Protein backbone atom coordinates (compact mmCIF):
# COMPACT_ATOMS: atom_id res chain seq x y z
CA MET A 1 37.87 42.65 -66.32
CA THR A 2 36.48 40.44 -63.55
CA GLY A 3 39.75 39.05 -62.23
CA PHE A 4 38.68 35.47 -61.44
CA GLU A 5 36.24 32.78 -62.38
CA GLY A 6 32.95 33.05 -60.49
CA TYR A 7 33.30 36.79 -59.95
CA GLU A 8 29.71 37.50 -61.00
CA ALA A 9 28.27 34.99 -58.50
CA VAL A 10 30.40 36.36 -55.67
CA ASN A 11 29.47 39.91 -56.61
CA ARG A 12 25.72 39.03 -56.56
CA LYS A 13 26.08 37.50 -53.10
CA LEU A 14 28.00 40.51 -51.78
CA GLN A 15 25.37 42.88 -53.18
CA ALA A 16 22.62 40.74 -51.61
CA LEU A 17 24.42 40.92 -48.29
CA ALA A 18 24.64 44.70 -48.61
CA ASP A 19 20.86 44.77 -49.12
CA ILE A 20 20.11 42.48 -46.16
CA ALA A 21 18.61 45.25 -43.99
CA ASP A 22 15.94 45.81 -46.67
CA HIS A 23 15.31 42.07 -46.82
CA ILE A 24 14.95 41.76 -43.05
CA GLU A 25 12.74 44.84 -42.90
CA ASP A 26 10.48 43.56 -45.67
CA GLU A 27 10.26 39.89 -44.77
CA TYR A 28 11.50 39.07 -41.27
CA ALA A 29 10.75 42.01 -38.94
CA GLY A 30 7.16 40.83 -38.71
CA ALA A 31 8.25 37.38 -37.50
CA ILE A 32 10.43 38.96 -34.81
CA CYS A 33 7.57 41.23 -33.68
CA GLU A 34 5.09 38.37 -33.56
CA THR A 35 7.50 36.28 -31.48
CA MET A 36 7.80 39.17 -29.02
CA ARG A 37 4.04 39.77 -28.94
CA LYS A 38 3.27 36.13 -28.18
CA THR A 39 5.85 36.07 -25.37
CA ALA A 40 4.47 39.26 -23.78
CA VAL A 41 0.89 37.97 -23.90
CA SER A 42 1.94 34.61 -22.49
CA ARG A 43 3.90 36.26 -19.67
CA LEU A 44 0.91 38.37 -18.65
CA THR A 45 -1.19 35.23 -18.38
CA ASP A 46 1.52 33.22 -16.59
CA LEU A 47 2.12 36.05 -14.08
CA GLU A 48 -1.62 36.30 -13.44
CA ALA A 49 -1.46 39.95 -14.45
CA VAL A 50 -4.79 39.67 -16.24
CA ASP A 51 -8.00 41.06 -14.81
CA THR A 52 -10.18 42.15 -17.71
CA GLY A 53 -7.82 41.09 -20.52
CA PHE A 54 -7.66 44.66 -21.81
CA LEU A 55 -3.87 44.94 -21.36
CA ARG A 56 -3.17 41.47 -22.74
CA ASN A 57 -5.33 42.17 -25.80
CA SER A 58 -3.65 45.54 -26.37
CA VAL A 59 -0.13 44.17 -26.95
CA GLN A 60 0.36 44.66 -30.65
CA THR A 61 2.72 44.81 -33.56
CA VAL A 62 2.07 47.58 -35.99
CA ASP A 63 3.29 45.97 -39.19
CA ALA A 64 5.38 48.23 -41.42
CA ASP A 65 4.48 51.35 -39.41
CA PHE A 66 6.48 50.01 -36.48
CA VAL A 67 9.58 49.03 -38.42
CA GLU A 68 12.11 51.85 -38.45
CA ARG A 69 15.22 52.09 -40.60
CA VAL A 70 17.80 53.51 -38.19
CA ASP A 71 20.62 53.70 -40.75
CA GLU A 72 21.88 51.76 -43.76
CA THR A 73 22.58 48.62 -41.76
CA THR A 74 20.14 48.80 -38.84
CA VAL A 75 16.43 48.06 -38.65
CA SER A 76 14.52 48.67 -35.41
CA THR A 77 11.22 46.99 -34.65
CA GLY A 78 9.18 45.87 -31.68
CA ILE A 79 5.82 45.67 -29.96
CA ARG A 80 3.77 48.14 -27.95
CA THR A 81 0.76 48.70 -25.80
CA THR A 82 -1.09 51.97 -25.31
CA VAL A 83 -2.72 50.92 -22.04
CA PRO A 84 -1.74 53.60 -19.48
CA TYR A 85 -1.31 51.19 -16.56
CA ALA A 86 1.01 48.82 -18.46
CA MET A 87 4.07 50.43 -16.87
CA PHE A 88 2.69 49.71 -13.38
CA ILE A 89 2.44 46.03 -14.27
CA GLU A 90 5.89 46.00 -15.92
CA TYR A 91 7.76 47.85 -13.15
CA GLY A 92 5.49 47.46 -10.12
CA THR A 93 4.61 50.25 -7.71
CA GLY A 94 5.68 51.49 -4.31
CA PRO A 95 8.38 49.73 -2.28
CA LEU A 96 7.52 46.37 -3.90
CA GLY A 97 8.29 47.73 -7.38
CA ASP A 98 11.46 47.31 -9.42
CA PRO A 99 14.25 49.03 -7.42
CA GLU A 100 15.78 50.38 -10.66
CA VAL A 101 12.71 52.60 -11.16
CA PRO A 102 11.84 55.47 -8.80
CA HIS A 103 8.71 54.74 -6.77
CA THR A 104 6.94 56.12 -3.77
CA ASP A 105 7.94 54.50 -0.49
CA LYS A 106 4.31 54.21 0.66
CA MET A 107 2.62 50.81 0.80
CA GLN A 108 -0.70 52.40 -0.16
CA TRP A 109 -2.01 55.74 -1.35
CA VAL A 110 -5.33 57.35 -2.24
CA TYR A 111 -6.04 58.84 -5.64
CA PRO A 112 -9.12 60.48 -7.21
CA TYR A 113 -11.16 58.23 -9.46
CA LYS A 114 -14.35 59.21 -11.31
CA ASP A 115 -16.69 60.56 -8.58
CA GLY A 116 -14.73 59.31 -5.61
CA PHE A 117 -11.41 57.97 -4.51
CA ARG A 118 -9.57 54.69 -4.71
CA VAL A 119 -6.81 53.17 -2.65
CA ALA A 120 -3.80 51.81 -4.51
CA HIS A 121 -1.50 49.26 -2.94
CA SER A 122 2.15 48.60 -3.64
CA GLN A 123 2.58 45.74 -6.09
CA PRO A 124 5.64 43.82 -7.27
CA ALA A 125 6.90 44.15 -10.82
CA ARG A 126 5.48 41.62 -13.27
CA PRO A 127 7.61 42.30 -16.34
CA PHE A 128 6.19 41.19 -19.65
CA MET A 129 7.60 43.58 -22.27
CA ARG A 130 11.30 43.35 -21.35
CA PRO A 131 11.26 39.53 -21.26
CA ALA A 132 9.54 39.57 -24.65
CA LEU A 133 12.77 41.05 -25.95
CA TYR A 134 15.43 39.45 -23.74
CA ASP A 135 14.01 35.91 -23.58
CA ASN A 136 13.79 35.69 -27.36
CA ARG A 137 17.36 36.53 -28.31
CA LYS A 138 18.06 32.98 -29.54
CA ALA A 139 14.84 32.95 -31.56
CA PHE A 140 15.80 36.27 -33.15
CA VAL A 141 19.22 34.92 -34.09
CA ARG A 142 17.52 31.90 -35.74
CA ILE A 143 15.20 34.22 -37.67
CA LEU A 144 18.12 36.39 -38.79
CA LYS A 145 20.16 33.32 -39.81
CA THR A 146 17.23 32.26 -41.96
CA ALA A 147 17.14 35.74 -43.49
CA VAL A 148 20.84 35.65 -44.37
CA LYS A 149 20.58 32.13 -45.79
CA ASP A 150 17.56 33.24 -47.83
CA VAL A 151 19.48 36.20 -49.24
CA PHE A 152 22.39 34.01 -50.31
CA GLU A 153 20.15 31.36 -51.85
CA ARG A 154 18.27 33.97 -53.88
CA ALA A 155 21.45 35.67 -55.12
């Protein structure tokens, strides 16, 4: 016994809503990642944190390999870079760096490099990864609203 008229339609929509994490993972996580990637790349350029372009070109999404199902209702996704000096751009160095991150208090320091030494200077933080997440919250909500609407229209 169904109990009321339209039960089947309501039941389909509720089941679709229960499956929304799968839907987002399959169809919308990529859009969120690409939005983040574009923002990070744009920030690097805007902050003039580009020398060779190696870091900017390394910011990537990793398709399905970078989408993680945390639990039944949570999907985690994002962007990454494997460039070792990315954290120095993101958080800065020395006393000019982000005060939330431990740094040396020296304005410059010497470090070994290939067959010699180099001098590094303190530099201010030029965040590009964190803003790629935080500055896009409204865009992510729009993407997720589209996902929910899609689920209900298909059900």
